[in-house]
Amino acid sequence: MFEIFSNWVAAFFTLCIFSFLYKDNPFYRFAEHLFVGVSMGYAIPLTWNASMIPNVYRPIFLQHRFELIFPALLGALYIFTFNRKLNWLSKFPIAFGMGLVGMGVPMSMNAGVLVQMRGAMIPIQDINTFLVWVGTVTILLYFFFSKAHTGAYGKIVKVGIWYMMLGFGASFGYTVMARISLLIGRIQFLVIDVVQNTIRFFGS
C-alpha cells in the first residue's frame, strides 16, 4: 500500500510538471518550488559532510593544518554576496577563482587545440581522414574574417558551414534523444508503475 501511495505522489508531481505544456499554472509552480527546496535541502548537508568536514574542519581543528585557514576564510567571503554594503568582499574569492581558471588555459590549450591539430596532421590514407582534413581546413577558413566570403573563397567557406551545421545538428539530435528517453521513462512509470500496479493491487 505504501508503494502504491508513493507512486501516486510521484505521478501527481510528474503531471504537475507536464501541465506547463499547456500554460504556466499554480500546480507547476508548486512542483517547481518544491523541487528546488528539496534539492537545496539535500545539497546543503551533502556539501557540509562531503566538503566542509573533510576539507576544512578535520584538517584545521584535528590535524592542525593552520595554513588552510586562509583559503577557508577566502571561501567564506562568498556569503557577503547577500549583503549590499559588504558585497565587495565577495569579489575577492571570485577574482581568485578566475585566476585559477586562467592558470588552466595552457592545459586546455594542449588538450583542446594542440591534440586536435596533431590529429589533423596525419597523412591522408583513406576517405575518412580526407573528410576530417577538409572539414578542419574549411571551418578554420570560415573564421578568417580578414577576407570577404565571396567568389571561390566563399564557396570553400560554405563547405565549412555545412560541416558545422552537421555537427550542431548531430549534437542537438543527441540532446533530443536523451530528452525523449526521459519522457518515455516517465510515461512508462505512469502507465506501468502507477496505473497497472494500482489496478492489480485493488483487483487482488
C-alpha atoms as a PDB file:
ATOM      1  CA  MET A   1       0.000   0.000   0.000  1.00  0.00           C
ATOM      2  CA  PHE A   2       2.871   2.396   0.779  1.00  0.00           C
ATOM      3  CA  GLU A   3       4.436   1.730  -2.627  1.00  0.00           C
ATOM      4  CA  ILE A   4       1.124   2.470  -4.358  1.00  0.00           C
ATOM      5  CA  PHE A   5       0.749   5.707  -2.377  1.00  0.00           C
ATOM      6  CA  SER A   6       4.332   6.853  -3.098  1.00  0.00           C
ATOM      7  CA  ASN A   7       3.877   6.091  -6.799  1.00  0.00           C
ATOM      8  CA  TRP A   8       0.724   8.219  -6.908  1.00  0.00           C
ATOM      9  CA  VAL A   9       2.535  11.091  -5.188  1.00  0.00           C
ATOM     10  CA  ALA A  10       5.316  10.867  -7.771  1.00  0.00           C
ATOM     11  CA  ALA A  11       2.725  10.667 -10.551  1.00  0.00           C
ATOM     12  CA  PHE A  12       0.974  13.782  -9.221  1.00  0.00           C
ATOM     13  CA  PHE A  13       4.158  15.840  -9.311  1.00  0.00           C
ATOM     14  CA  THR A  14       5.046  14.442 -12.739  1.00  0.00           C
ATOM     15  CA  LEU A  15       1.676  15.599 -14.091  1.00  0.00           C
ATOM     16  CA  CYS A  16       2.176  18.969 -12.378  1.00  0.00           C
ATOM     17  CA  ILE A  17       5.394  19.455 -14.314  1.00  0.00           C
ATOM     18  CA  PHE A  18       3.778  18.244 -17.553  1.00  0.00           C
ATOM     19  CA  SER A  19       0.969  20.785 -17.036  1.00  0.00           C
ATOM     20  CA  PHE A  20       3.414  23.513 -18.083  1.00  0.00           C
ATOM     21  CA  LEU A  21       2.951  22.253 -21.654  1.00  0.00           C
ATOM     22  CA  TYR A  22      -0.496  23.886 -21.520  1.00  0.00           C
ATOM     23  CA  LYS A  23       0.483  27.083 -19.707  1.00  0.00           C
ATOM     24  CA  ASP A  24       2.056  28.339 -16.510  1.00  0.00           C
ATOM     25  CA  ASN A  25      -0.185  27.428 -13.581  1.00  0.00           C
ATOM     26  CA  PRO A  26      -0.123  27.095  -9.765  1.00  0.00           C
ATOM     27  CA  PHE A  27       0.387  23.313  -9.908  1.00  0.00           C
ATOM     28  CA  TYR A  28       3.552  23.685 -11.971  1.00  0.00           C
ATOM     29  CA  ARG A  29       4.888  26.461  -9.738  1.00  0.00           C
ATOM     30  CA  PHE A  30       4.176  24.391  -6.626  1.00  0.00           C
ATOM     31  CA  ALA A  31       6.062  21.375  -8.025  1.00  0.00           C
ATOM     32  CA  GLU A  32       8.906  23.599  -9.249  1.00  0.00           C
ATOM     33  CA  HIS A  33       9.349  25.330  -5.887  1.00  0.00           C
ATOM     34  CA  LEU A  34       9.130  22.041  -4.024  1.00  0.00           C
ATOM     35  CA  PHE A  35      11.771  20.516  -6.293  1.00  0.00           C
ATOM     36  CA  VAL A  36      14.138  23.451  -5.744  1.00  0.00           C
ATOM     37  CA  GLY A  37      13.559  23.382  -1.984  1.00  0.00           C
ATOM     38  CA  VAL A  38      14.106  19.632  -1.669  1.00  0.00           C
ATOM     39  CA  SER A  39      17.216  19.850  -3.867  1.00  0.00           C
ATOM     40  CA  MET A  40      18.730  22.594  -1.735  1.00  0.00           C
ATOM     41  CA  GLY A  41      17.750  20.811   1.474  1.00  0.00           C
ATOM     42  CA  TYR A  42      19.600  17.752   0.205  1.00  0.00           C
ATOM     43  CA  ALA A  43      22.574  19.649  -1.266  1.00  0.00           C
ATOM     44  CA  ILE A  44      23.392  21.705   1.845  1.00  0.00           C
ATOM     45  CA  PRO A  45      24.048  18.789   4.263  1.00  0.00           C
ATOM     46  CA  LEU A  46      25.676  16.818   1.447  1.00  0.00           C
ATOM     47  CA  THR A  47      28.102  19.700   0.798  1.00  0.00           C
ATOM     48  CA  TRP A  48      28.728  20.075   4.517  1.00  0.00           C
ATOM     49  CA  ASN A  49      29.565  16.383   5.006  1.00  0.00           C
ATOM     50  CA  ALA A  50      31.419  15.887   1.710  1.00  0.00           C
ATOM     51  CA  SER A  51      33.356  19.167   1.553  1.00  0.00           C
ATOM     52  CA  MET A  52      33.398  21.203   4.770  1.00  0.00           C
ATOM     53  CA  ILE A  53      34.083  18.345   7.208  1.00  0.00           C
ATOM     54  CA  PRO A  54      36.918  16.578   5.314  1.00  0.00           C
ATOM     55  CA  ASN A  55      38.470  19.707   3.747  1.00  0.00           C
ATOM     56  CA  VAL A  56      38.057  22.361   6.467  1.00  0.00           C
ATOM     57  CA  TYR A  57      37.081  21.056   9.896  1.00  0.00           C
ATOM     58  CA  ARG A  58      39.260  17.937  10.119  1.00  0.00           C
ATOM     59  CA  PRO A  59      42.464  19.396   8.602  1.00  0.00           C
ATOM     60  CA  ILE A  60      42.332  22.619  10.652  1.00  0.00           C
ATOM     61  CA  PHE A  61      40.916  21.559  14.019  1.00  0.00           C
ATOM     62  CA  LEU A  62      42.014  17.911  14.212  1.00  0.00           C
ATOM     63  CA  GLN A  63      45.189  17.781  12.108  1.00  0.00           C
ATOM     64  CA  HIS A  64      46.272  21.362  12.974  1.00  0.00           C
ATOM     65  CA  ARG A  65      46.995  22.347   9.389  1.00  0.00           C
ATOM     66  CA  PHE A  66      46.575  26.047  10.044  1.00  0.00           C
ATOM     67  CA  GLU A  67      47.759  27.036   6.565  1.00  0.00           C
ATOM     68  CA  LEU A  68      44.257  26.128   5.356  1.00  0.00           C
ATOM     69  CA  ILE A  69      42.667  28.914   7.393  1.00  0.00           C
ATOM     70  CA  PHE A  70      43.323  31.490   4.659  1.00  0.00           C
ATOM     71  CA  PRO A  71      41.567  29.588   1.817  1.00  0.00           C
ATOM     72  CA  ALA A  72      38.726  28.715   4.216  1.00  0.00           C
ATOM     73  CA  LEU A  73      38.226  32.378   5.105  1.00  0.00           C
ATOM     74  CA  LEU A  74      38.551  33.356   1.450  1.00  0.00           C
ATOM     75  CA  GLY A  75      35.769  30.954   0.522  1.00  0.00           C
ATOM     76  CA  ALA A  76      33.641  32.205   3.429  1.00  0.00           C
ATOM     77  CA  LEU A  77      33.625  35.663   1.846  1.00  0.00           C
ATOM     78  CA  TYR A  78      31.090  34.382  -0.697  1.00  0.00           C
ATOM     79  CA  ILE A  79      28.389  34.781   1.951  1.00  0.00           C
ATOM     80  CA  PHE A  80      28.683  38.571   1.687  1.00  0.00           C
ATOM     81  CA  THR A  81      27.050  38.330  -1.738  1.00  0.00           C
ATOM     82  CA  PHE A  82      23.725  38.722   0.078  1.00  0.00           C
ATOM     83  CA  ASN A  83      24.798  41.971   1.781  1.00  0.00           C
ATOM     84  CA  ARG A  84      24.585  45.135  -0.324  1.00  0.00           C
ATOM     85  CA  LYS A  85      27.061  47.126   1.759  1.00  0.00           C
ATOM     86  CA  LEU A  86      29.666  44.355   2.059  1.00  0.00           C
ATOM     87  CA  ASN A  87      29.067  42.822  -1.358  1.00  0.00           C
ATOM     88  CA  TRP A  88      32.540  43.972  -2.477  1.00  0.00           C
ATOM     89  CA  LEU A  89      34.136  41.383  -0.171  1.00  0.00           C
ATOM     90  CA  SER A  90      32.638  38.535  -2.241  1.00  0.00           C
ATOM     91  CA  LYS A  91      34.609  39.734  -5.271  1.00  0.00           C
ATOM     92  CA  PHE A  92      37.913  38.566  -3.778  1.00  0.00           C
ATOM     93  CA  PRO A  93      37.179  34.803  -3.967  1.00  0.00           C
ATOM     94  CA  ILE A  94      35.597  35.339  -7.394  1.00  0.00           C
ATOM     95  CA  ALA A  95      38.779  37.039  -8.647  1.00  0.00           C
ATOM     96  CA  PHE A  96      40.910  34.298  -7.116  1.00  0.00           C
ATOM     97  CA  GLY A  97      38.801  31.629  -8.799  1.00  0.00           C
ATOM     98  CA  MET A  98      39.044  33.365 -12.162  1.00  0.00           C
ATOM     99  CA  GLY A  99      42.821  33.482 -11.710  1.00  0.00           C
ATOM    100  CA  LEU A 100      42.842  29.715 -11.236  1.00  0.00           C
ATOM    101  CA  VAL A 101      40.813  29.384 -14.431  1.00  0.00           C
ATOM    102  CA  GLY A 102      43.481  31.429 -16.201  1.00  0.00           C
ATOM    103  CA  MET A 103      46.145  29.032 -14.933  1.00  0.00           C
ATOM    104  CA  GLY A 104      44.255  26.206 -16.593  1.00  0.00           C
ATOM    105  CA  VAL A 105      44.341  27.848 -20.036  1.00  0.00           C
ATOM    106  CA  PRO A 106      47.692  26.244 -21.060  1.00  0.00           C
ATOM    107  CA  MET A 107      46.380  22.783 -20.147  1.00  0.00           C
ATOM    108  CA  SER A 108      43.140  23.481 -22.019  1.00  0.00           C
ATOM    109  CA  MET A 109      45.150  24.696 -24.986  1.00  0.00           C
ATOM    110  CA  ASN A 110      47.087  21.434 -25.058  1.00  0.00           C
ATOM    111  CA  ALA A 111      44.036  19.190 -24.649  1.00  0.00           C
ATOM    112  CA  GLY A 112      41.615  21.170 -26.774  1.00  0.00           C
ATOM    113  CA  VAL A 113      43.778  22.607 -29.555  1.00  0.00           C
ATOM    114  CA  LEU A 114      47.208  21.035 -29.891  1.00  0.00           C
ATOM    115  CA  VAL A 115      45.969  17.444 -29.633  1.00  0.00           C
ATOM    116  CA  GLN A 116      43.361  18.098 -32.315  1.00  0.00           C
ATOM    117  CA  MET A 117      45.957  19.801 -34.502  1.00  0.00           C
ATOM    118  CA  ARG A 118      48.216  16.757 -34.267  1.00  0.00           C
ATOM    119  CA  GLY A 119      45.236  14.546 -35.095  1.00  0.00           C
ATOM    120  CA  ALA A 120      44.515  16.645 -38.211  1.00  0.00           C
ATOM    121  CA  MET A 121      48.132  16.464 -39.440  1.00  0.00           C
ATOM    122  CA  ILE A 122      48.200  12.721 -40.019  1.00  0.00           C
ATOM    123  CA  PRO A 123      48.785  11.504 -43.603  1.00  0.00           C
ATOM    124  CA  ILE A 124      45.652  11.234 -45.752  1.00  0.00           C
ATOM    125  CA  GLN A 125      45.258   7.493 -46.196  1.00  0.00           C
ATOM    126  CA  ASP A 126      41.522   6.978 -46.709  1.00  0.00           C
ATOM    127  CA  ILE A 127      38.275   8.849 -47.256  1.00  0.00           C
ATOM    128  CA  ASN A 128      37.714   9.383 -43.518  1.00  0.00           C
ATOM    129  CA  THR A 129      40.968  11.216 -42.917  1.00  0.00           C
ATOM    130  CA  PHE A 130      40.347  13.219 -46.094  1.00  0.00           C
ATOM    131  CA  LEU A 131      36.922  14.333 -44.875  1.00  0.00           C
ATOM    132  CA  VAL A 132      38.410  15.287 -41.494  1.00  0.00           C
ATOM    133  CA  TRP A 133      41.096  17.317 -43.232  1.00  0.00           C
ATOM    134  CA  VAL A 134      38.581  19.092 -45.467  1.00  0.00           C
ATOM    135  CA  GLY A 135      36.343  19.904 -42.502  1.00  0.00           C
ATOM    136  CA  THR A 136      39.226  21.229 -40.417  1.00  0.00           C
ATOM    137  CA  VAL A 137      40.554  23.481 -43.186  1.00  0.00           C
ATOM    138  CA  THR A 138      37.198  24.850 -44.349  1.00  0.00           C
ATOM    139  CA  ILE A 139      35.947  25.581 -40.816  1.00  0.00           C
ATOM    140  CA  LEU A 140      39.182  27.411 -39.974  1.00  0.00           C
ATOM    141  CA  LEU A 141      38.811  29.439 -43.184  1.00  0.00           C
ATOM    142  CA  TYR A 142      35.278  30.388 -42.173  1.00  0.00           C
ATOM    143  CA  PHE A 143      36.606  32.093 -39.042  1.00  0.00           C
ATOM    144  CA  PHE A 144      39.236  34.006 -41.047  1.00  0.00           C
ATOM    145  CA  PHE A 145      37.305  37.285 -41.168  1.00  0.00           C
ATOM    146  CA  SER A 146      40.034  39.356 -42.807  1.00  0.00           C
ATOM    147  CA  LYS A 147      38.859  38.168 -46.243  1.00  0.00           C
ATOM    148  CA  ALA A 148      35.346  38.546 -47.603  1.00  0.00           C
ATOM    149  CA  HIS A 149      33.428  35.314 -48.111  1.00  0.00           C
ATOM    150  CA  THR A 150      32.901  35.854 -51.826  1.00  0.00           C
ATOM    151  CA  GLY A 151      33.893  34.139 -55.047  1.00  0.00           C
ATOM    152  CA  ALA A 152      35.774  30.852 -54.929  1.00  0.00           C
ATOM    153  CA  TYR A 153      36.794  31.536 -51.337  1.00  0.00           C
ATOM    154  CA  GLY A 154      33.141  31.932 -50.362  1.00  0.00           C
ATOM    155  CA  LYS A 155      32.276  28.552 -51.917  1.00  0.00           C
ATOM    156  CA  ILE A 156      35.061  26.891 -49.922  1.00  0.00           C
ATOM    157  CA  VAL A 157      33.795  28.573 -46.759  1.00  0.00           C
ATOM    158  CA  LYS A 158      30.279  27.242 -47.411  1.00  0.00           C
ATOM    159  CA  VAL A 159      31.706  23.730 -47.126  1.00  0.00           C
ATOM    160  CA  GLY A 160      32.860  24.620 -43.624  1.00  0.00           C
ATOM    161  CA  ILE A 161      29.376  25.937 -42.845  1.00  0.00           C
ATOM    162  CA  TRP A 162      27.896  22.593 -43.910  1.00  0.00           C
ATOM    163  CA  TYR A 163      30.350  20.780 -41.645  1.00  0.00           C
ATOM    164  CA  MET A 164      29.405  22.980 -38.694  1.00  0.00           C
ATOM    165  CA  MET A 165      25.668  22.580 -39.334  1.00  0.00           C
ATOM    166  CA  LEU A 166      26.058  18.807 -39.464  1.00  0.00           C
ATOM    167  CA  GLY A 167      27.982  18.877 -36.193  1.00  0.00           C
ATOM    168  CA  PHE A 168      25.445  21.144 -34.485  1.00  0.00           C
ATOM    169  CA  GLY A 169      22.579  19.045 -35.827  1.00  0.00           C
ATOM    170  CA  ALA A 170      24.127  15.827 -34.540  1.00  0.00           C
ATOM    171  CA  SER A 171      24.704  17.380 -31.111  1.00  0.00           C
ATOM    172  CA  PHE A 172      21.136  18.680 -30.967  1.00  0.00           C
ATOM    173  CA  GLY A 173      19.843  15.305 -32.120  1.00  0.00           C
ATOM    174  CA  TYR A 174      21.660  13.544 -29.296  1.00  0.00           C
ATOM    175  CA  THR A 175      20.198  16.068 -26.845  1.00  0.00           C
ATOM    176  CA  VAL A 176      16.672  15.489 -28.149  1.00  0.00           C
ATOM    177  CA  MET A 177      17.147  11.713 -27.986  1.00  0.00           C
ATOM    178  CA  ALA A 178      18.213  11.995 -24.349  1.00  0.00           C
ATOM    179  CA  ARG A 179      15.156  14.113 -23.513  1.00  0.00           C
ATOM    180  CA  ILE A 180      12.851  11.732 -25.392  1.00  0.00           C
ATOM    181  CA  SER A 181      14.275   8.782 -23.454  1.00  0.00           C
ATOM    182  CA  LEU A 182      13.497  10.631 -20.195  1.00  0.00           C
ATOM    183  CA  LEU A 183       9.948  11.286 -21.433  1.00  0.00           C
ATOM    184  CA  ILE A 184       9.490   7.617 -22.344  1.00  0.00           C
ATOM    185  CA  GLY A 185      10.732   6.631 -18.882  1.00  0.00           C
ATOM    186  CA  ARG A 186       8.179   8.897 -17.172  1.00  0.00           C
ATOM    187  CA  ILE A 187       5.335   7.644 -19.392  1.00  0.00           C
ATOM    188  CA  GLN A 188       6.293   4.041 -18.604  1.00  0.00           C
ATOM    189  CA  PHE A 189       6.290   4.956 -14.918  1.00  0.00           C
ATOM    190  CA  LEU A 190       2.800   6.462 -15.166  1.00  0.00           C
ATOM    191  CA  VAL A 191       1.363   3.558 -17.145  1.00  0.00           C
ATOM    192  CA  ILE A 192       3.121   0.555 -15.604  1.00  0.00           C
ATOM    193  CA  ASP A 193       4.200   1.510 -12.083  1.00  0.00           C
ATOM    194  CA  VAL A 194       1.156   3.636 -11.275  1.00  0.00           C
ATOM    195  CA  VAL A 195      -1.899   2.594 -13.271  1.00  0.00           C
ATOM    196  CA  GLN A 196      -1.250  -1.120 -13.805  1.00  0.00           C
ATOM    197  CA  ASN A 197       0.098  -1.744 -10.307  1.00  0.00           C
ATOM    198  CA  THR A 198      -2.847   0.124  -8.780  1.00  0.00           C
ATOM    199  CA  ILE A 199      -5.346  -1.917 -10.807  1.00  0.00           C
ATOM    200  CA  ARG A 200      -3.517  -5.124  -9.901  1.00  0.00           C
ATOM    201  CA  PHE A 201      -3.454  -4.166  -6.190  1.00  0.00           C
ATOM    202  CA  PHE A 202      -7.156  -3.361  -5.883  1.00  0.00           C
ATOM    203  CA  GLY A 203      -8.114  -6.189  -8.222  1.00  0.00           C
ATOM    204  CA  SER A 204      -6.454  -8.745  -5.979  1.00  0.00           C
END
